[in-house]
PDB file of N, CA and C in Angstrom:
ATOM      1  N   UNK A   1       9.029   4.566 -14.798  1.00  0.00           N
ATOM      2  CA  UNK A   1       9.227   5.925 -14.377  1.00  0.00           C
ATOM      3  C   UNK A   1       7.701   6.324 -14.486  1.00  0.00           C
ATOM      4  N   UNK A   2       7.555   6.705 -12.956  1.00  0.00           N
ATOM      5  CA  UNK A   2       6.138   7.712 -12.489  1.00  0.00           C
ATOM      6  C   UNK A   2       6.166   8.921 -13.094  1.00  0.00           C
ATOM      7  N   UNK A   3       4.621   9.591 -13.859  1.00  0.00           N
ATOM      8  CA  UNK A   3       4.176  10.874 -13.895  1.00  0.00           C
ATOM      9  C   UNK A   3       2.931  10.906 -13.667  1.00  0.00           C
ATOM     10  N   UNK A   4       2.963  12.435 -13.319  1.00  0.00           N
ATOM     11  CA  UNK A   4       1.429  12.936 -13.242  1.00  0.00           C
ATOM     12  C   UNK A   4       0.936  13.576 -14.202  1.00  0.00           C
ATOM     13  N   UNK A   5      -0.339  13.199 -15.033  1.00  0.00           N
ATOM     14  CA  UNK A   5      -0.916  13.926 -16.202  1.00  0.00           C
ATOM     15  C   UNK A   5      -1.988  14.255 -15.809  1.00  0.00           C
ATOM     16  N   UNK A   6      -2.122  15.728 -16.411  1.00  0.00           N
ATOM     17  CA  UNK A   6      -3.118  16.270 -15.656  1.00  0.00           C
ATOM     18  C   UNK A   6      -3.918  16.353 -16.991  1.00  0.00           C
ATOM     19  N   UNK A   7      -5.468  16.625 -16.793  1.00  0.00           N
ATOM     20  CA  UNK A   7      -6.274  17.115 -18.289  1.00  0.00           C
ATOM     21  C   UNK A   7      -7.496  17.975 -17.676  1.00  0.00           C
ATOM     22  N   UNK A   8      -7.023  19.357 -18.258  1.00  0.00           N
ATOM     23  CA  UNK A   8      -7.997  20.440 -17.265  1.00  0.00           C
ATOM     24  C   UNK A   8      -8.498  21.082 -18.977  1.00  0.00           C
ATOM     25  N   UNK A   9      -9.334  20.560 -19.553  1.00  0.00           N
ATOM     26  CA  UNK A   9      -9.613  20.611 -20.848  1.00  0.00           C
ATOM     27  C   UNK A   9     -10.450  21.384 -20.662  1.00  0.00           C
ATOM     28  N   UNK A  10     -11.731  20.726 -19.783  1.00  0.00           N
ATOM     29  CA  UNK A  10     -13.146  21.153 -19.123  1.00  0.00           C
ATOM     30  C   UNK A  10     -12.964  21.744 -18.127  1.00  0.00           C
ATOM     31  N   UNK A  11     -14.065  23.328 -18.120  1.00  0.00           N
ATOM     32  CA  UNK A  11     -13.415  23.802 -17.060  1.00  0.00           C
ATOM     33  C   UNK A  11     -14.334  23.217 -15.386  1.00  0.00           C
ATOM     34  N   UNK A  12     -15.081  22.638 -16.021  1.00  0.00           N
ATOM     35  CA  UNK A  12     -15.773  22.413 -14.734  1.00  0.00           C
ATOM     36  C   UNK A  12     -15.298  20.834 -14.440  1.00  0.00           C
ATOM     37  N   UNK A  13     -14.104  20.213 -14.684  1.00  0.00           N
ATOM     38  CA  UNK A  13     -13.680  18.881 -14.556  1.00  0.00           C
ATOM     39  C   UNK A  13     -12.325  19.108 -14.310  1.00  0.00           C
ATOM     40  N   UNK A  14     -11.554  18.472 -13.754  1.00  0.00           N
ATOM     41  CA  UNK A  14     -10.053  18.582 -13.582  1.00  0.00           C
ATOM     42  C   UNK A  14      -9.794  16.761 -13.190  1.00  0.00           C
ATOM     43  N   UNK A  15      -8.569  16.577 -14.349  1.00  0.00           N
ATOM     44  CA  UNK A  15      -8.581  15.184 -14.145  1.00  0.00           C
ATOM     45  C   UNK A  15      -7.012  14.797 -14.138  1.00  0.00           C
ATOM     46  N   UNK A  16      -6.787  13.893 -13.050  1.00  0.00           N
ATOM     47  CA  UNK A  16      -5.288  13.636 -12.569  1.00  0.00           C
ATOM     48  C   UNK A  16      -5.265  12.205 -12.841  1.00  0.00           C
ATOM     49  N   UNK A  17      -3.971  11.829 -13.670  1.00  0.00           N
ATOM     50  CA  UNK A  17      -3.184  10.484 -13.761  1.00  0.00           C
ATOM     51  C   UNK A  17      -2.248  10.540 -13.324  1.00  0.00           C
ATOM     52  N   UNK A  18      -1.957   9.268 -12.865  1.00  0.00           N
ATOM     53  CA  UNK A  18      -0.535   8.839 -12.117  1.00  0.00           C
ATOM     54  C   UNK A  18      -0.355   7.238 -12.580  1.00  0.00           C
ATOM     55  N   UNK A  19       0.863   8.129 -13.664  1.00  0.00           N
ATOM     56  CA  UNK A  19       1.041   6.610 -14.117  1.00  0.00           C
ATOM     57  C   UNK A  19       2.769   5.787 -14.077  1.00  0.00           C
ATOM     58  N   UNK A  20       2.701   4.592 -14.412  1.00  0.00           N
ATOM     59  CA  UNK A  20       4.253   4.343 -13.781  1.00  0.00           C
ATOM     60  C   UNK A  20       4.497   3.053 -15.416  1.00  0.00           C
ATOM     61  N   UNK A  21       5.124   4.200 -16.242  1.00  0.00           N
ATOM     62  CA  UNK A  21       5.257   3.400 -17.816  1.00  0.00           C
ATOM     63  C   UNK A  21       4.192   3.675 -18.702  1.00  0.00           C
ATOM     64  N   UNK A  22       3.419   1.931 -18.676  1.00  0.00           N
ATOM     65  CA  UNK A  22       1.980   2.390 -19.454  1.00  0.00           C
ATOM     66  C   UNK A  22       0.703   1.839 -18.601  1.00  0.00           C
ATOM     67  N   UNK A  23       1.235   1.607 -17.214  1.00  0.00           N
ATOM     68  CA  UNK A  23       0.450   1.542 -15.950  1.00  0.00           C
ATOM     69  C   UNK A  23      -0.100   2.810 -15.133  1.00  0.00           C
ATOM     70  N   UNK A  24      -1.589   2.127 -15.463  1.00  0.00           N
ATOM     71  CA  UNK A  24      -2.426   3.269 -14.588  1.00  0.00           C
ATOM     72  C   UNK A  24      -2.178   3.148 -13.145  1.00  0.00           C
ATOM     73  N   UNK A  25      -1.538   4.213 -12.005  1.00  0.00           N
ATOM     74  CA  UNK A  25      -1.524   3.805 -10.844  1.00  0.00           C
ATOM     75  C   UNK A  25      -2.558   4.603 -10.136  1.00  0.00           C
ATOM     76  N   UNK A  26      -3.015   5.348 -10.069  1.00  0.00           N
ATOM     77  CA  UNK A  26      -4.351   6.022 -10.026  1.00  0.00           C
ATOM     78  C   UNK A  26      -4.640   7.638 -10.791  1.00  0.00           C
ATOM     79  N   UNK A  27      -6.245   7.276 -10.497  1.00  0.00           N
ATOM     80  CA  UNK A  27      -6.677   8.593 -11.313  1.00  0.00           C
ATOM     81  C   UNK A  27      -7.674   9.293 -10.578  1.00  0.00           C
ATOM     82  N   UNK A  28      -7.330  10.676 -10.028  1.00  0.00           N
ATOM     83  CA  UNK A  28      -8.670  11.613  -9.134  1.00  0.00           C
ATOM     84  C   UNK A  28      -9.589  12.247 -10.672  1.00  0.00           C
ATOM     85  N   UNK A  29     -10.874  12.657 -10.289  1.00  0.00           N
ATOM     86  CA  UNK A  29     -11.378  13.111 -11.139  1.00  0.00           C
ATOM     87  C   UNK A  29     -12.495  14.278 -10.167  1.00  0.00           C
ATOM     88  N   UNK A  30     -12.111  15.371 -10.314  1.00  0.00           N
ATOM     89  CA  UNK A  30     -12.531  16.125  -9.464  1.00  0.00           C
ATOM     90  C   UNK A  30     -13.335  17.380 -10.063  1.00  0.00           C
ATOM     91  N   UNK A  31     -15.185  17.306  -9.556  1.00  0.00           N
ATOM     92  CA  UNK A  31     -15.936  17.809 -10.606  1.00  0.00           C
ATOM     93  C   UNK A  31     -16.288  19.112  -9.471  1.00  0.00           C
ATOM     94  N   UNK A  32     -16.267  20.334 -10.728  1.00  0.00           N
ATOM     95  CA  UNK A  32     -16.833  21.336  -9.608  1.00  0.00           C
ATOM     96  C   UNK A  32     -18.116  21.412  -9.199  1.00  0.00           C
ATOM     97  N   UNK A  33     -17.875  22.075  -8.190  1.00  0.00           N
ATOM     98  CA  UNK A  33     -19.814  22.045  -7.669  1.00  0.00           C
ATOM     99  C   UNK A  33     -19.886  20.884  -6.763  1.00  0.00           C
ATOM    100  N   UNK A  34     -18.899  20.089  -6.527  1.00  0.00           N
ATOM    101  CA  UNK A  34     -19.258  18.922  -5.760  1.00  0.00           C
ATOM    102  C   UNK A  34     -18.176  18.405  -4.640  1.00  0.00           C
ATOM    103  N   UNK A  35     -18.541  18.583  -3.573  1.00  0.00           N
ATOM    104  CA  UNK A  35     -17.479  18.691  -2.193  1.00  0.00           C
ATOM    105  C   UNK A  35     -16.566  16.997  -2.315  1.00  0.00           C
ATOM    106  N   UNK A  36     -14.906  17.075  -2.433  1.00  0.00           N
ATOM    107  CA  UNK A  36     -14.323  16.013  -2.125  1.00  0.00           C
ATOM    108  C   UNK A  36     -14.339  15.537  -0.970  1.00  0.00           C
ATOM    109  N   UNK A  37     -14.189  14.195  -0.838  1.00  0.00           N
ATOM    110  CA  UNK A  37     -14.101  13.576   0.238  1.00  0.00           C
ATOM    111  C   UNK A  37     -12.630  12.508   0.846  1.00  0.00           C
ATOM    112  N   UNK A  38     -12.178  12.579  -0.614  1.00  0.00           N
ATOM    113  CA  UNK A  38     -11.047  11.824  -0.430  1.00  0.00           C
ATOM    114  C   UNK A  38      -9.672  12.591   0.328  1.00  0.00           C
ATOM    115  N   UNK A  39      -9.301  11.814   1.287  1.00  0.00           N
ATOM    116  CA  UNK A  39      -8.174  12.570   1.654  1.00  0.00           C
ATOM    117  C   UNK A  39      -8.783  12.932   3.907  1.00  0.00           C
ATOM    118  N   UNK A  40      -9.955  13.063   3.633  1.00  0.00           N
ATOM    119  CA  UNK A  40     -11.079  13.371   4.632  1.00  0.00           C
ATOM    120  C   UNK A  40     -10.726  12.148   6.161  1.00  0.00           C
ATOM    121  N   UNK A  41     -10.859  12.928   7.233  1.00  0.00           N
ATOM    122  CA  UNK A  41     -11.027  11.631   8.367  1.00  0.00           C
ATOM    123  C   UNK A  41     -12.259  12.164   9.045  1.00  0.00           C
ATOM    124  N   UNK A  42     -12.876  10.933   9.245  1.00  0.00           N
ATOM    125  CA  UNK A  42     -14.032  11.068   9.693  1.00  0.00           C
ATOM    126  C   UNK A  42     -14.291  10.011  11.053  1.00  0.00           C
ATOM    127  N   UNK A  43     -15.383  10.562  11.918  1.00  0.00           N
ATOM    128  CA  UNK A  43     -15.744   9.522  12.749  1.00  0.00           C
ATOM    129  C   UNK A  43     -16.427   8.851  12.565  1.00  0.00           C
ATOM    130  N   UNK A  44     -16.820   7.226  11.957  1.00  0.00           N
ATOM    131  CA  UNK A  44     -17.903   6.473  11.580  1.00  0.00           C
ATOM    132  C   UNK A  44     -18.168   5.001  12.656  1.00  0.00           C
ATOM    133  N   UNK A  45     -18.874   4.434  12.179  1.00  0.00           N
ATOM    134  CA  UNK A  45     -19.843   3.607  13.108  1.00  0.00           C
ATOM    135  C   UNK A  45     -19.645   2.244  11.916  1.00  0.00           C
ATOM    136  N   UNK A  46     -19.452   1.121  12.455  1.00  0.00           N
ATOM    137  CA  UNK A  46     -19.680  -0.267  11.632  1.00  0.00           C
ATOM    138  C   UNK A  46     -20.546  -0.535  11.271  1.00  0.00           C
ATOM    139  N   UNK A  47     -21.586  -0.672  10.094  1.00  0.00           N
ATOM    140  CA  UNK A  47     -23.038  -1.036   9.898  1.00  0.00           C
ATOM    141  C   UNK A  47     -23.207  -2.413   9.811  1.00  0.00           C
ATOM    142  N   UNK A  48     -22.264  -3.120   9.414  1.00  0.00           N
ATOM    143  CA  UNK A  48     -22.164  -4.164   8.525  1.00  0.00           C
ATOM    144  C   UNK A  48     -20.859  -4.864   8.117  1.00  0.00           C
ATOM    145  N   UNK A  49     -20.833  -6.422   8.407  1.00  0.00           N
ATOM    146  CA  UNK A  49     -20.095  -6.912   8.749  1.00  0.00           C
ATOM    147  C   UNK A  49     -19.615  -7.788   7.666  1.00  0.00           C
ATOM    148  N   UNK A  50     -18.795  -8.311   6.670  1.00  0.00           N
ATOM    149  CA  UNK A  50     -19.131  -8.977   5.651  1.00  0.00           C
ATOM    150  C   UNK A  50     -18.107  -9.911   5.928  1.00  0.00           C
ATOM    151  N   UNK A  51     -17.844 -11.305   6.391  1.00  0.00           N
ATOM    152  CA  UNK A  51     -16.754 -12.081   6.494  1.00  0.00           C
ATOM    153  C   UNK A  51     -16.323 -12.938   5.359  1.00  0.00           C
ATOM    154  N   UNK A  52     -17.087 -13.041   4.268  1.00  0.00           N
ATOM    155  CA  UNK A  52     -17.150 -13.540   3.084  1.00  0.00           C
ATOM    156  C   UNK A  52     -15.846 -12.614   2.195  1.00  0.00           C
ATOM    157  N   UNK A  53     -16.005 -11.251   2.447  1.00  0.00           N
ATOM    158  CA  UNK A  53     -15.093  -9.877   1.748  1.00  0.00           C
ATOM    159  C   UNK A  53     -14.262  -9.483   2.936  1.00  0.00           C
ATOM    160  N   UNK A  54     -14.315 -10.107   3.723  1.00  0.00           N
ATOM    161  CA  UNK A  54     -13.028  -9.720   5.043  1.00  0.00           C
ATOM    162  C   UNK A  54     -13.118  -7.975   5.152  1.00  0.00           C
ATOM    163  N   UNK A  55     -14.435  -8.024   4.873  1.00  0.00           N
ATOM    164  CA  UNK A  55     -14.171  -6.197   5.307  1.00  0.00           C
ATOM    165  C   UNK A  55     -15.771  -5.669   5.891  1.00  0.00           C
ATOM    166  N   UNK A  56     -15.714  -4.550   6.344  1.00  0.00           N
ATOM    167  CA  UNK A  56     -17.220  -4.117   7.206  1.00  0.00           C
ATOM    168  C   UNK A  56     -17.545  -2.937   6.151  1.00  0.00           C
ATOM    169  N   UNK A  57     -18.622  -2.350   6.339  1.00  0.00           N
ATOM    170  CA  UNK A  57     -19.171  -1.141   5.824  1.00  0.00           C
ATOM    171  C   UNK A  57     -19.120  -0.013   7.207  1.00  0.00           C
ATOM    172  N   UNK A  58     -18.839   1.342   6.687  1.00  0.00           N
ATOM    173  CA  UNK A  58     -18.976   2.089   7.764  1.00  0.00           C
ATOM    174  C   UNK A  58     -19.515   3.074   7.602  1.00  0.00           C
ATOM    175  N   UNK A  59     -20.631   3.540   8.520  1.00  0.00           N
ATOM    176  CA  UNK A  59     -21.581   4.860   8.030  1.00  0.00           C
ATOM    177  C   UNK A  59     -20.560   6.080   8.736  1.00  0.00           C
ATOM    178  N   UNK A  60     -20.037   7.218   8.016  1.00  0.00           N
ATOM    179  CA  UNK A  60     -19.334   7.927   8.403  1.00  0.00           C
ATOM    180  C   UNK A  60     -20.026   9.503   7.785  1.00  0.00           C
ATOM    181  N   UNK A  61     -21.753   9.368   7.709  1.00  0.00           N
ATOM    182  CA  UNK A  61     -22.297  10.773   7.367  1.00  0.00           C
ATOM    183  C   UNK A  61     -22.796  10.997   6.111  1.00  0.00           C
ATOM    184  N   UNK A  62     -22.005   9.894   5.327  1.00  0.00           N
ATOM    185  CA  UNK A  62     -22.981  10.461   3.899  1.00  0.00           C
ATOM    186  C   UNK A  62     -24.019   9.148   3.768  1.00  0.00           C
ATOM    187  N   UNK A  63     -24.379   9.332   2.818  1.00  0.00           N
ATOM    188  CA  UNK A  63     -25.369   8.544   1.753  1.00  0.00           C
ATOM    189  C   UNK A  63     -25.330   7.600   1.745  1.00  0.00           C
ATOM    190  N   UNK A  64     -23.970   6.863   1.624  1.00  0.00           N
ATOM    191  CA  UNK A  64     -23.396   5.246   0.925  1.00  0.00           C
ATOM    192  C   UNK A  64     -22.770   5.315   2.120  1.00  0.00           C
ATOM    193  N   UNK A  65     -22.486   4.104   2.248  1.00  0.00           N
ATOM    194  CA  UNK A  65     -21.198   3.396   3.020  1.00  0.00           C
ATOM    195  C   UNK A  65     -20.341   3.341   2.474  1.00  0.00           C
ATOM    196  N   UNK A  66     -19.115   3.958   3.586  1.00  0.00           N
ATOM    197  CA  UNK A  66     -17.709   3.450   3.123  1.00  0.00           C
ATOM    198  C   UNK A  66     -17.337   1.639   3.473  1.00  0.00           C
ATOM    199  N   UNK A  67     -16.586   1.078   2.547  1.00  0.00           N
ATOM    200  CA  UNK A  67     -16.324  -0.533   2.214  1.00  0.00           C
ATOM    201  C   UNK A  67     -14.829   0.021   3.280  1.00  0.00           C
ATOM    202  N   UNK A  68     -14.594  -1.077   4.380  1.00  0.00           N
ATOM    203  CA  UNK A  68     -13.635  -1.008   4.773  1.00  0.00           C
ATOM    204  C   UNK A  68     -12.639  -2.551   4.644  1.00  0.00           C
ATOM    205  N   UNK A  69     -11.960  -2.478   4.410  1.00  0.00           N
ATOM    206  CA  UNK A  69     -11.369  -4.045   3.909  1.00  0.00           C
ATOM    207  C   UNK A  69     -10.767  -3.823   5.602  1.00  0.00           C
ATOM    208  N   UNK A  70     -10.855  -5.377   6.002  1.00  0.00           N
ATOM    209  CA  UNK A  70     -10.330  -5.984   7.547  1.00  0.00           C
ATOM    210  C   UNK A  70      -8.780  -5.669   7.605  1.00  0.00           C
ATOM    211  N   UNK A  71      -7.883  -5.840   6.976  1.00  0.00           N
ATOM    212  CA  UNK A  71      -6.724  -5.679   6.604  1.00  0.00           C
ATOM    213  C   UNK A  71      -5.917  -4.159   6.920  1.00  0.00           C
ATOM    214  N   UNK A  72      -6.788  -3.099   6.731  1.00  0.00           N
ATOM    215  CA  UNK A  72      -6.632  -1.908   6.594  1.00  0.00           C
ATOM    216  C   UNK A  72      -7.057  -1.303   8.623  1.00  0.00           C
ATOM    217  N   UNK A  73      -7.671  -1.924   9.108  1.00  0.00           N
ATOM    218  CA  UNK A  73      -7.971  -1.680   9.963  1.00  0.00           C
ATOM    219  C   UNK A  73      -6.922  -1.385  11.606  1.00  0.00           C
ATOM    220  N   UNK A  74      -7.038  -0.625  11.935  1.00  0.00           N
ATOM    221  CA  UNK A  74      -5.784  -0.831  13.096  1.00  0.00           C
ATOM    222  C   UNK A  74      -5.832  -1.498  14.271  1.00  0.00           C
ATOM    223  N   UNK A  75      -4.801  -2.217  14.627  1.00  0.00           N
ATOM    224  CA  UNK A  75      -5.358  -3.181  15.623  1.00  0.00           C
ATOM    225  C   UNK A  75      -5.952  -2.658  17.294  1.00  0.00           C
ATOM    226  N   UNK A  76      -5.594  -1.048  16.964  1.00  0.00           N
ATOM    227  CA  UNK A  76      -5.874  -0.572  18.227  1.00  0.00           C
ATOM    228  C   UNK A  76      -7.746  -0.521  18.582  1.00  0.00           C
ATOM    229  N   UNK A  77      -8.726  -0.637  17.551  1.00  0.00           N
ATOM    230  CA  UNK A  77      -9.978  -1.286  16.913  1.00  0.00           C
ATOM    231  C   UNK A  77      -9.995  -2.282  17.230  1.00  0.00           C
ATOM    232  N   UNK A  78      -9.399  -3.715  17.837  1.00  0.00           N
ATOM    233  CA  UNK A  78      -9.869  -4.967  17.670  1.00  0.00           C
ATOM    234  C   UNK A  78     -10.359  -5.344  19.264  1.00  0.00           C
ATOM    235  N   UNK A  79     -10.954  -6.153  19.462  1.00  0.00           N
ATOM    236  CA  UNK A  79     -11.541  -6.368  20.684  1.00  0.00           C
ATOM    237  C   UNK A  79     -10.355  -6.904  21.728  1.00  0.00           C
ATOM    238  N   UNK A  80     -10.306  -6.602  23.063  1.00  0.00           N
ATOM    239  CA  UNK A  80      -9.501  -7.346  23.646  1.00  0.00           C
ATOM    240  C   UNK A  80      -9.970  -8.894  23.727  1.00  0.00           C
ATOM    241  N   UNK A  81      -8.240  -9.488  23.578  1.00  0.00           N
ATOM    242  CA  UNK A  81      -7.701 -10.755  23.863  1.00  0.00           C
ATOM    243  C   UNK A  81      -8.232 -11.094  22.517  1.00  0.00           C
ATOM    244  N   UNK A  82      -7.996 -11.004  21.406  1.00  0.00           N
ATOM    245  CA  UNK A  82      -8.304 -11.232  20.126  1.00  0.00           C
ATOM    246  C   UNK A  82      -6.743 -11.821  19.589  1.00  0.00           C
ATOM    247  N   UNK A  83      -6.154 -12.520  18.996  1.00  0.00           N
ATOM    248  CA  UNK A  83      -5.109 -13.086  18.423  1.00  0.00           C
ATOM    249  C   UNK A  83      -4.444 -12.186  17.216  1.00  0.00           C
ATOM    250  N   UNK A  84      -3.945 -11.298  16.948  1.00  0.00           N
ATOM    251  CA  UNK A  84      -3.909 -10.528  16.111  1.00  0.00           C
ATOM    252  C   UNK A  84      -3.617 -11.541  14.906  1.00  0.00           C
ATOM    253  N   UNK A  85      -2.424 -12.254  14.924  1.00  0.00           N
ATOM    254  CA  UNK A  85      -2.134 -12.951  13.730  1.00  0.00           C
ATOM    255  C   UNK A  85      -3.059 -13.884  13.183  1.00  0.00           C
ATOM    256  N   UNK A  86      -4.022 -14.049  13.884  1.00  0.00           N
ATOM    257  CA  UNK A  86      -5.132 -14.937  13.356  1.00  0.00           C
ATOM    258  C   UNK A  86      -6.503 -14.499  13.472  1.00  0.00           C
ATOM    259  N   UNK A  87      -6.451 -13.192  13.519  1.00  0.00           N
ATOM    260  CA  UNK A  87      -7.761 -12.628  13.606  1.00  0.00           C
ATOM    261  C   UNK A  87      -8.558 -12.320  12.442  1.00  0.00           C
ATOM    262  N   UNK A  88      -9.795 -13.376  12.324  1.00  0.00           N
ATOM    263  CA  UNK A  88     -11.057 -12.895  11.905  1.00  0.00           C
ATOM    264  C   UNK A  88     -11.781 -11.779  12.094  1.00  0.00           C
ATOM    265  N   UNK A  89     -12.234 -10.823  11.339  1.00  0.00           N
ATOM    266  CA  UNK A  89     -13.287  -9.755  11.680  1.00  0.00           C
ATOM    267  C   UNK A  89     -14.253  -9.866  11.720  1.00  0.00           C
ATOM    268  N   UNK A  90     -15.273 -10.945  12.150  1.00  0.00           N
ATOM    269  CA  UNK A  90     -16.258 -11.427  12.838  1.00  0.00           C
ATOM    270  C   UNK A  90     -15.519 -11.410  14.703  1.00  0.00           C
ATOM    271  N   UNK A  91     -14.453 -11.295  14.639  1.00  0.00           N
ATOM    272  CA  UNK A  91     -14.190 -11.745  16.210  1.00  0.00           C
ATOM    273  C   UNK A  91     -13.430 -10.564  16.349  1.00  0.00           C
ATOM    274  N   UNK A  92     -13.065  -9.523  15.391  1.00  0.00           N
ATOM    275  CA  UNK A  92     -12.156  -8.867  16.405  1.00  0.00           C
ATOM    276  C   UNK A  92     -12.662  -7.385  16.330  1.00  0.00           C
ATOM    277  N   UNK A  93     -14.481  -7.343  15.220  1.00  0.00           N
ATOM    278  CA  UNK A  93     -14.839  -5.965  15.246  1.00  0.00           C
ATOM    279  C   UNK A  93     -16.000  -6.355  15.705  1.00  0.00           C
ATOM    280  N   UNK A  94     -17.293  -5.179  15.657  1.00  0.00           N
ATOM    281  CA  UNK A  94     -18.917  -5.395  15.794  1.00  0.00           C
ATOM    282  C   UNK A  94     -19.595  -4.065  15.001  1.00  0.00           C
ATOM    283  N   UNK A  95     -20.950  -4.830  14.955  1.00  0.00           N
ATOM    284  CA  UNK A  95     -21.428  -3.648  14.238  1.00  0.00           C
ATOM    285  C   UNK A  95     -22.030  -2.890  15.832  1.00  0.00           C
ATOM    286  N   UNK A  96     -22.153  -1.511  15.113  1.00  0.00           N
ATOM    287  CA  UNK A  96     -22.334  -0.437  15.972  1.00  0.00           C
ATOM    288  C   UNK A  96     -20.906   0.119  16.669  1.00  0.00           C
ATOM    289  N   UNK A  97     -19.455  -0.320  16.437  1.00  0.00           N
ATOM    290  CA  UNK A  97     -18.433  -0.072  16.986  1.00  0.00           C
ATOM    291  C   UNK A  97     -18.011   1.279  16.283  1.00  0.00           C
ATOM    292  N   UNK A  98     -17.381   2.639  16.755  1.00  0.00           N
ATOM    293  CA  UNK A  98     -17.312   3.818  16.654  1.00  0.00           C
ATOM    294  C   UNK A  98     -16.012   3.649  16.094  1.00  0.00           C
ATOM    295  N   UNK A  99     -15.127   4.367  15.078  1.00  0.00           N
ATOM    296  CA  UNK A  99     -13.593   4.174  14.586  1.00  0.00           C
ATOM    297  C   UNK A  99     -13.344   5.228  14.039  1.00  0.00           C
ATOM    298  N   UNK A 100     -12.060   5.653  13.736  1.00  0.00           N
ATOM    299  CA  UNK A 100     -11.861   6.853  12.912  1.00  0.00           C
ATOM    300  C   UNK A 100     -11.398   6.291  11.572  1.00  0.00           C
ATOM    301  N   UNK A 101     -11.972   6.719  10.700  1.00  0.00           N
ATOM    302  CA  UNK A 101     -11.226   6.564   9.137  1.00  0.00           C
ATOM    303  C   UNK A 101     -11.171   7.440   8.148  1.00  0.00           C
ATOM    304  N   UNK A 102     -10.214   7.316   7.089  1.00  0.00           N
ATOM    305  CA  UNK A 102      -9.602   8.255   6.302  1.00  0.00           C
ATOM    306  C   UNK A 102     -10.328   7.796   5.134  1.00  0.00           C
ATOM    307  N   UNK A 103     -10.994   8.749   4.092  1.00  0.00           N
ATOM    308  CA  UNK A 103     -11.524   8.336   2.763  1.00  0.00           C
ATOM    309  C   UNK A 103      -9.854   8.056   1.948  1.00  0.00           C
ATOM    310  N   UNK A 104     -10.098   7.196   1.067  1.00  0.00           N
ATOM    311  CA  UNK A 104      -8.652   6.787   0.069  1.00  0.00           C
ATOM    312  C   UNK A 104      -9.212   7.001  -1.052  1.00  0.00           C
ATOM    313  N   UNK A 105     -10.540   6.549  -1.787  1.00  0.00           N
ATOM    314  CA  UNK A 105     -10.985   6.747  -3.022  1.00  0.00           C
ATOM    315  C   UNK A 105     -12.549   7.752  -2.629  1.00  0.00           C
ATOM    316  N   UNK A 106     -13.047   8.096  -3.990  1.00  0.00           N
ATOM    317  CA  UNK A 106     -13.720   9.182  -3.950  1.00  0.00           C
ATOM    318  C   UNK A 106     -14.832   8.164  -4.840  1.00  0.00           C
ATOM    319  N   UNK A 107     -16.208   8.005  -4.380  1.00  0.00           N
ATOM    320  CA  UNK A 107     -17.243   6.919  -4.429  1.00  0.00           C
ATOM    321  C   UNK A 107     -17.269   7.322  -6.217  1.00  0.00           C
ATOM    322  N   UNK A 108     -17.399   5.940  -6.748  1.00  0.00           N
ATOM    323  CA  UNK A 108     -17.590   5.704  -7.874  1.00  0.00           C
ATOM    324  C   UNK A 108     -18.951   4.970  -8.460  1.00  0.00           C
ATOM    325  N   UNK A 109     -19.670   5.671  -9.400  1.00  0.00           N
ATOM    326  CA  UNK A 109     -21.036   5.165 -10.012  1.00  0.00           C
ATOM    327  C   UNK A 109     -21.777   4.225  -8.909  1.00  0.00           C
ATOM    328  N   UNK A 110     -22.467   3.059  -8.068  1.00  0.00           N
ATOM    329  CA  UNK A 110     -22.928   2.798  -7.387  1.00  0.00           C
ATOM    330  C   UNK A 110     -21.822   2.533  -6.029  1.00  0.00           C
ATOM    331  N   UNK A 111     -21.127   2.511  -5.999  1.00  0.00           N
ATOM    332  CA  UNK A 111     -19.929   2.381  -4.654  1.00  0.00           C
ATOM    333  C   UNK A 111     -19.690   3.265  -4.060  1.00  0.00           C
ATOM    334  N   UNK A 112     -19.677   3.208  -2.763  1.00  0.00           N
ATOM    335  CA  UNK A 112     -19.652   4.149  -1.757  1.00  0.00           C
ATOM    336  C   UNK A 112     -18.021   4.229  -1.612  1.00  0.00           C
TER     337      UNK A 112
END
């Protein structure tokens, strides 16, 4: 059974966790004075493609670039003529390409 747990014991921080039995599904930590980006939609530009990770990095206006897995890219952004079933990231996308992205997770530590 899924449950949502709240921890608001500190005035400057709110923690929300979603658990299924003993398994942690998701956790969000909201800090006062820090803008939350999760859920926001941005126009971004691909700055680097990493075929070994099957992902790319996207500049969406923040200091750190966001990580975008290839499997989460809408097919509408693929180059013309790319076979969707057998597409490789380096064939379907290119550096400098603009796309629309939605932030799914807040940055943690040194990861954007």
